[in-house]
Amino acid sequence: MSKEGLRYNLLLLRRIISFVLLVGIVTVVIYHLYHNGASLIHALSVSPERLVVLTVLNLAFIFVNGLRINVLTEVFGIHLRGAEWLGLSATNSLLNYLPAHGGTITRGAYLRQVHNLPISAFLASMTASYLISFVSMGLLGLLAMGVILISQGIFRWELTGLLLALVLGSLFLLSLQKWSGLPFERFPPYLRRVWQGWLIVQNHPRTLFYMAGLDLLGAFIYACRLFVAFYIVSSPVNFWIVLAITPLSLLSFLVSLTPGGLGIKEAVIGWTTLLFGGNAVRAVEAATIDRLLMIICLAIIAGFFSMYFPALLSTKVEAENGI
């Protein structure tokens, strides 16, 4: 079988698995709502102020993600307007619920069309920035695990091992090519993309510092979101435990077997909560409520951005033509 045929078969298999998983997740959700919908609706109805707080935290998370996009594009001398980086943040996240990472493709296409940024350079720098996220979030998770061990005497080797592997694995990938002494051509394309992106961003220490700081701030805001969501479903969890499970839940988008990681993030949150003796079902409910509110916030902001984009593009064309 040719490489093209093998690649097509693997892509087809991935789509089949994604479809089966999505159908299974929807079935489980419908079954759970049928048997527990009344109690969930009651929890939402008695916690309107917590829903408001959760909505504000979701908006803050979108804002921080937008700032991170702005910081990354400044490496290429591009200074996005506030409406741009905020709109790109919302649109990217919302369109990732489409197959094939629709949000990432759309963001790259926008930056190429409006700011003449080559998609290859954008994808390379974005991929390298993920490793920065892995390291910073992994260290945050390990810090939370240390606090939990000292204050509560609880040690979960499974979660600690995954967080440690996340940090060390990311650092290893960033330094592999330099240590090996082999040329780029000897490595797979995805590794070459990582290193090409790293060569771009490593010469901007200020950018690296800002991105790591925004990653930590985003993780803290996300932990606050989960903390409030747990209270909404009447199953409060210690904040340090929530902070410890945050990195893996945030990074679960990499397991893109379903659009937008539907069900994957919820499963990760349920499993990690169970590790600490919490209620996995309530954890999944909390994560689901948080996701639904986030989708609503994303849709509103992305809707405004979709109206703003044609005017921005028209202004750019007029400037290029000297009108």
Protein backbone atom coordinates (compact mmCIF):
# COMPACT_ATOMS: atom_id res chain seq x y z
CA MET A 1 0.00 0.00 0.00
CA SER A 2 1.29 3.46 -0.93
CA LYS A 3 1.90 6.17 1.65
CA GLU A 4 -1.05 8.13 0.26
CA GLY A 5 -3.33 5.11 0.59
CA LEU A 6 -2.17 4.42 4.13
CA ARG A 7 -2.67 8.06 5.09
CA TYR A 8 -6.19 8.02 3.61
CA ASN A 9 -7.10 4.83 5.48
CA LEU A 10 -5.79 6.22 8.78
CA LEU A 11 -7.77 9.43 8.26
CA LEU A 12 -10.90 7.43 7.47
CA LEU A 13 -10.37 5.27 10.57
CA ARG A 14 -9.95 8.37 12.70
CA ARG A 15 -13.19 9.83 11.37
CA ILE A 16 -15.05 6.59 12.05
CA ILE A 17 -13.71 6.47 15.63
CA SER A 18 -14.62 10.13 16.10
CA PHE A 19 -18.17 9.53 14.86
CA VAL A 20 -18.65 6.45 17.04
CA LEU A 21 -17.32 8.27 20.10
CA LEU A 22 -19.52 11.29 19.42
CA VAL A 23 -22.63 9.13 19.05
CA GLY A 24 -21.72 7.28 22.25
CA ILE A 25 -21.17 10.53 24.17
CA VAL A 26 -24.47 12.00 22.97
CA THR A 27 -26.27 8.79 23.95
CA VAL A 28 -24.77 8.85 27.46
CA VAL A 29 -25.67 12.54 27.89
CA ILE A 30 -29.27 11.97 26.81
CA TYR A 31 -29.56 8.97 29.13
CA HIS A 32 -28.12 10.92 32.06
CA LEU A 33 -30.36 13.93 31.44
CA TYR A 34 -33.40 11.65 31.20
CA HIS A 35 -32.70 10.21 34.65
CA ASN A 36 -31.08 13.21 36.37
CA GLY A 37 -32.29 16.24 34.42
CA ALA A 38 -34.64 17.46 37.14
CA SER A 39 -31.92 17.65 39.80
CA LEU A 40 -29.54 19.39 37.39
CA ILE A 41 -32.15 21.99 36.43
CA HIS A 42 -32.87 22.55 40.11
CA ALA A 43 -29.17 23.14 40.79
CA LEU A 44 -29.03 25.73 38.01
CA SER A 45 -32.19 27.48 39.17
CA VAL A 46 -30.96 27.95 42.74
CA SER A 47 -27.51 29.23 41.72
CA PRO A 48 -28.13 32.23 39.39
CA GLU A 49 -25.38 34.31 41.03
CA ARG A 50 -22.89 31.49 40.56
CA LEU A 51 -23.88 31.25 36.89
CA VAL A 52 -23.14 34.97 36.54
CA VAL A 53 -19.72 34.50 38.17
CA LEU A 54 -19.01 31.52 35.90
CA THR A 55 -19.99 33.56 32.84
CA VAL A 56 -17.63 36.39 33.85
CA LEU A 57 -14.81 33.87 34.34
CA ASN A 58 -15.47 32.41 30.89
CA LEU A 59 -15.26 35.86 29.34
CA ALA A 60 -12.01 36.51 31.23
CA PHE A 61 -10.59 33.23 29.87
CA ILE A 62 -11.45 34.24 26.29
CA PHE A 63 -9.81 37.62 26.94
CA VAL A 64 -6.56 36.00 28.16
CA ASN A 65 -6.47 33.65 25.17
CA GLY A 66 -6.85 36.66 22.91
CA LEU A 67 -3.95 38.40 24.61
CA ARG A 68 -1.84 35.31 24.02
CA ILE A 69 -2.66 35.42 20.29
CA ASN A 70 -1.66 39.09 20.24
CA VAL A 71 1.65 38.38 21.98
CA LEU A 72 2.48 35.56 19.57
CA THR A 73 1.74 37.58 16.43
CA GLU A 74 3.88 40.47 17.67
CA VAL A 75 6.89 38.21 17.03
CA PHE A 76 6.19 38.81 13.33
CA GLY A 77 5.76 42.56 13.77
CA ILE A 78 1.97 42.31 13.62
CA HIS A 79 0.01 44.46 16.06
CA LEU A 80 -3.58 43.25 16.22
CA ARG A 81 -6.41 45.52 17.23
CA GLY A 82 -8.35 44.64 20.35
CA ALA A 83 -11.36 43.50 18.36
CA GLU A 84 -9.10 41.27 16.28
CA TRP A 85 -7.33 39.29 18.99
CA LEU A 86 -10.51 38.99 21.03
CA GLY A 87 -12.53 37.94 18.00
CA LEU A 88 -9.86 35.48 16.85
CA SER A 89 -9.78 33.94 20.32
CA ALA A 90 -13.54 33.33 20.30
CA THR A 91 -13.78 32.29 16.66
CA ASN A 92 -10.84 29.90 16.94
CA SER A 93 -12.33 28.13 19.96
CA LEU A 94 -15.85 28.03 18.51
CA LEU A 95 -14.84 26.70 15.09
CA ASN A 96 -12.72 23.97 16.68
CA TYR A 97 -16.05 22.23 17.21
CA LEU A 98 -15.93 21.61 13.47
CA PRO A 99 -13.87 18.72 12.07
CA ALA A 100 -10.19 19.16 11.17
CA HIS A 101 -9.45 21.95 13.67
CA GLY A 102 -11.59 24.50 11.82
CA GLY A 103 -10.63 27.22 14.29
CA THR A 104 -6.90 26.88 13.73
CA ILE A 105 -7.33 26.89 9.95
CA THR A 106 -9.60 29.93 10.08
CA ARG A 107 -7.21 31.86 12.32
CA GLY A 108 -4.28 31.10 10.03
CA ALA A 109 -6.30 32.10 6.96
CA TYR A 110 -7.34 35.37 8.60
CA LEU A 111 -3.78 36.31 9.53
CA ARG A 112 -2.59 35.52 6.03
CA GLN A 113 -5.38 37.44 4.31
CA VAL A 114 -5.43 40.51 6.53
CA HIS A 115 -1.81 40.70 7.76
CA ASN A 116 0.11 38.72 5.11
CA LEU A 117 1.45 36.24 7.67
CA PRO A 118 2.40 32.94 5.97
CA ILE A 119 0.34 30.06 7.33
CA SER A 120 3.46 27.88 7.64
CA ALA A 121 5.15 30.42 9.93
CA PHE A 122 1.99 30.84 11.97
CA LEU A 123 1.48 27.09 12.43
CA ALA A 124 5.14 26.56 13.34
CA SER A 125 5.16 29.28 16.00
CA MET A 126 1.80 28.15 17.37
CA THR A 127 2.99 24.54 17.65
CA ALA A 128 6.13 25.62 19.49
CA SER A 129 4.02 27.78 21.81
CA TYR A 130 2.06 24.67 22.81
CA LEU A 131 5.23 23.23 24.35
CA ILE A 132 5.62 26.41 26.39
CA SER A 133 2.06 25.84 27.61
CA PHE A 134 2.86 22.23 28.49
CA VAL A 135 5.84 23.21 30.59
CA SER A 136 4.19 26.11 32.42
CA MET A 137 0.93 24.26 33.09
CA GLY A 138 2.72 21.08 34.05
CA LEU A 139 4.79 22.96 36.62
CA LEU A 140 1.63 24.60 37.97
CA GLY A 141 0.03 21.19 38.36
CA LEU A 142 3.09 19.81 40.13
CA LEU A 143 3.04 22.80 42.49
CA ALA A 144 -0.60 22.10 43.32
CA MET A 145 0.19 18.42 43.89
CA GLY A 146 2.96 19.43 46.30
CA VAL A 147 0.62 21.68 48.27
CA ILE A 148 -1.97 18.88 48.44
CA LEU A 149 0.67 16.43 49.69
CA ILE A 150 1.87 18.83 52.40
CA SER A 151 -1.54 20.11 53.53
CA GLN A 152 -3.68 16.99 53.14
CA GLY A 153 -1.21 14.11 52.95
CA ILE A 154 -2.66 12.98 49.61
CA PHE A 155 -0.35 11.78 46.84
CA ARG A 156 -1.66 10.52 43.50
CA TRP A 157 1.22 8.99 41.59
CA GLU A 158 -0.86 8.68 38.39
CA LEU A 159 -1.49 12.40 38.07
CA THR A 160 1.96 13.36 39.32
CA GLY A 161 3.58 11.05 36.79
CA LEU A 162 1.54 12.48 33.91
CA LEU A 163 2.38 16.05 34.87
CA LEU A 164 6.06 15.23 35.25
CA ALA A 165 6.08 13.47 31.88
CA LEU A 166 4.39 16.52 30.35
CA VAL A 167 7.12 18.86 31.56
CA LEU A 168 10.12 16.62 30.87
CA GLY A 169 8.73 15.43 27.52
CA SER A 170 8.23 19.00 26.31
CA LEU A 171 11.74 20.05 27.34
CA PHE A 172 13.13 16.93 25.67
CA LEU A 173 11.38 17.69 22.37
CA LEU A 174 12.63 21.27 22.38
CA SER A 175 16.24 20.14 22.81
CA LEU A 176 16.21 16.85 20.85
CA GLN A 177 17.48 18.22 17.56
CA LYS A 178 20.31 20.16 19.21
CA TRP A 179 21.41 17.17 21.29
CA SER A 180 21.25 14.72 18.41
CA GLY A 181 23.29 16.89 16.05
CA LEU A 182 21.25 15.54 13.12
CA PRO A 183 19.88 17.83 10.38
CA PHE A 184 16.19 18.76 10.31
CA GLU A 185 15.57 16.54 7.29
CA ARG A 186 16.22 13.39 9.32
CA PHE A 187 13.19 14.03 11.57
CA PRO A 188 9.43 13.72 10.96
CA PRO A 189 7.58 16.79 9.61
CA TYR A 190 5.72 17.55 12.86
CA LEU A 191 9.00 17.71 14.79
CA ARG A 192 10.53 19.96 12.15
CA ARG A 193 7.53 22.27 12.52
CA VAL A 194 8.04 22.43 16.30
CA TRP A 195 11.72 23.33 15.95
CA GLN A 196 11.08 25.85 13.19
CA GLY A 197 8.58 27.56 15.46
CA TRP A 198 10.98 27.41 18.38
CA LEU A 199 13.72 29.04 16.31
CA ILE A 200 11.30 31.91 15.71
CA VAL A 201 10.10 32.49 19.28
CA GLN A 202 13.26 31.66 21.25
CA ASN A 203 14.88 34.89 20.10
CA HIS A 204 12.12 36.84 21.84
CA PRO A 205 12.56 36.19 25.59
CA ARG A 206 9.98 38.84 26.42
CA THR A 207 7.43 36.97 24.31
CA LEU A 208 8.28 33.68 26.02
CA PHE A 209 7.84 35.30 29.43
CA TYR A 210 4.49 36.85 28.50
CA MET A 211 3.16 33.64 26.95
CA ALA A 212 4.13 31.57 30.00
CA GLY A 213 2.56 34.18 32.28
CA LEU A 214 -0.66 34.22 30.25
CA ASP A 215 -0.73 30.41 30.27
CA LEU A 216 -0.55 30.42 34.07
CA LEU A 217 -3.17 33.15 34.34
CA GLY A 218 -5.46 31.26 31.96
CA ALA A 219 -5.00 28.06 33.96
CA PHE A 220 -5.83 29.90 37.20
CA ILE A 221 -9.00 31.37 35.66
CA TYR A 222 -9.99 27.95 34.34
CA ALA A 223 -9.48 26.44 37.80
CA CYS A 224 -11.77 29.14 39.20
CA ARG A 225 -14.34 28.21 36.55
CA LEU A 226 -14.31 24.57 37.59
CA PHE A 227 -14.33 25.52 41.26
CA VAL A 228 -17.53 27.54 40.77
CA ALA A 229 -19.07 24.86 38.52
CA PHE A 230 -18.51 22.24 41.24
CA TYR A 231 -20.43 24.47 43.65
CA ILE A 232 -23.27 24.84 41.13
CA VAL A 233 -23.80 21.06 41.09
CA SER A 234 -23.56 20.98 44.91
CA SER A 235 -20.31 19.01 44.91
CA PRO A 236 -17.58 21.42 46.11
CA VAL A 237 -13.94 20.39 45.63
CA ASN A 238 -10.84 21.80 47.31
CA PHE A 239 -9.33 24.55 45.12
CA TRP A 240 -5.84 23.03 45.14
CA ILE A 241 -7.30 19.77 43.83
CA VAL A 242 -9.10 21.69 41.09
CA LEU A 243 -5.83 23.45 40.25
CA ALA A 244 -4.04 20.10 40.07
CA ILE A 245 -6.53 18.64 37.57
CA THR A 246 -6.64 21.83 35.47
CA PRO A 247 -3.52 21.23 33.28
CA LEU A 248 -4.64 17.86 31.93
CA SER A 249 -8.20 19.03 31.38
CA LEU A 250 -7.00 22.12 29.50
CA LEU A 251 -4.58 20.11 27.36
CA SER A 252 -7.12 17.40 26.56
CA PHE A 253 -7.94 19.33 23.36
CA LEU A 254 -4.93 17.55 21.84
CA VAL A 255 -6.93 14.31 21.90
CA SER A 256 -9.00 15.56 18.98
CA LEU A 257 -11.01 12.38 18.48
CA THR A 258 -14.21 14.41 18.76
CA PRO A 259 -15.00 17.97 17.60
CA GLY A 260 -13.78 20.43 20.20
CA GLY A 261 -12.76 17.51 22.42
CA LEU A 262 -16.43 16.93 23.30
CA GLY A 263 -16.58 14.35 26.04
CA ILE A 264 -12.78 14.04 26.26
CA LYS A 265 -12.30 17.00 28.60
CA GLU A 266 -15.31 15.94 30.67
CA ALA A 267 -13.92 12.42 30.97
CA VAL A 268 -10.50 13.74 32.05
CA ILE A 269 -12.11 15.94 34.71
CA GLY A 270 -14.28 13.07 35.93
CA TRP A 271 -11.32 10.68 36.15
CA THR A 272 -8.98 13.09 37.90
CA THR A 273 -11.70 14.11 40.36
CA LEU A 274 -12.30 10.44 41.11
CA LEU A 275 -8.58 10.03 41.87
CA PHE A 276 -9.03 12.38 44.81
CA GLY A 277 -12.15 10.63 46.04
CA GLY A 278 -14.62 13.04 44.45
CA ASN A 279 -17.85 12.32 42.62
CA ALA A 280 -17.03 11.66 38.96
CA VAL A 281 -20.62 12.09 37.80
CA ARG A 282 -20.94 15.50 39.45
CA ALA A 283 -17.54 16.45 38.02
CA VAL A 284 -18.73 15.66 34.50
CA GLU A 285 -21.89 17.68 35.12
CA ALA A 286 -19.83 20.63 36.34
CA ALA A 287 -17.56 20.43 33.28
CA THR A 288 -20.60 20.22 30.99
CA ILE A 289 -22.22 23.32 32.51
CA ASP A 290 -18.95 25.20 32.12
CA ARG A 291 -18.64 24.11 28.48
CA LEU A 292 -22.21 25.16 27.62
CA LEU A 293 -21.69 28.62 29.10
CA MET A 294 -18.38 28.93 27.26
CA ILE A 295 -20.01 28.04 23.93
CA ILE A 296 -22.65 30.74 24.49
CA CYS A 297 -19.95 33.33 25.27
CA LEU A 298 -17.90 32.25 22.25
CA ALA A 299 -20.89 32.44 19.93
CA ILE A 300 -21.74 35.99 21.03
CA ILE A 301 -18.19 37.32 20.66
CA ALA A 302 -17.56 35.43 17.40
CA GLY A 303 -20.83 36.84 16.03
CA PHE A 304 -19.68 40.41 16.67
CA PHE A 305 -16.29 39.61 15.13
CA SER A 306 -17.91 38.19 11.98
CA MET A 307 -19.63 41.57 11.52
CA TYR A 308 -16.39 43.45 12.19
CA PHE A 309 -14.20 41.42 9.82
CA PRO A 310 -15.66 42.61 6.45
CA ALA A 311 -15.20 46.25 7.50
CA LEU A 312 -11.61 45.54 8.57
CA LEU A 313 -10.82 43.78 5.31
CA SER A 314 -12.37 46.61 3.30
CA THR A 315 -10.24 49.15 5.19
CA LYS A 316 -7.10 47.10 4.46
CA VAL A 317 -7.90 46.89 0.72
CA GLU A 318 -8.55 50.62 0.55
CA ALA A 319 -5.24 51.35 2.31
CA GLU A 320 -3.33 49.11 -0.10
CA ASN A 321 -4.93 50.81 -3.07
CA GLY A 322 -4.33 54.28 -1.67
CA ILE A 323 -8.02 55.11 -1.48
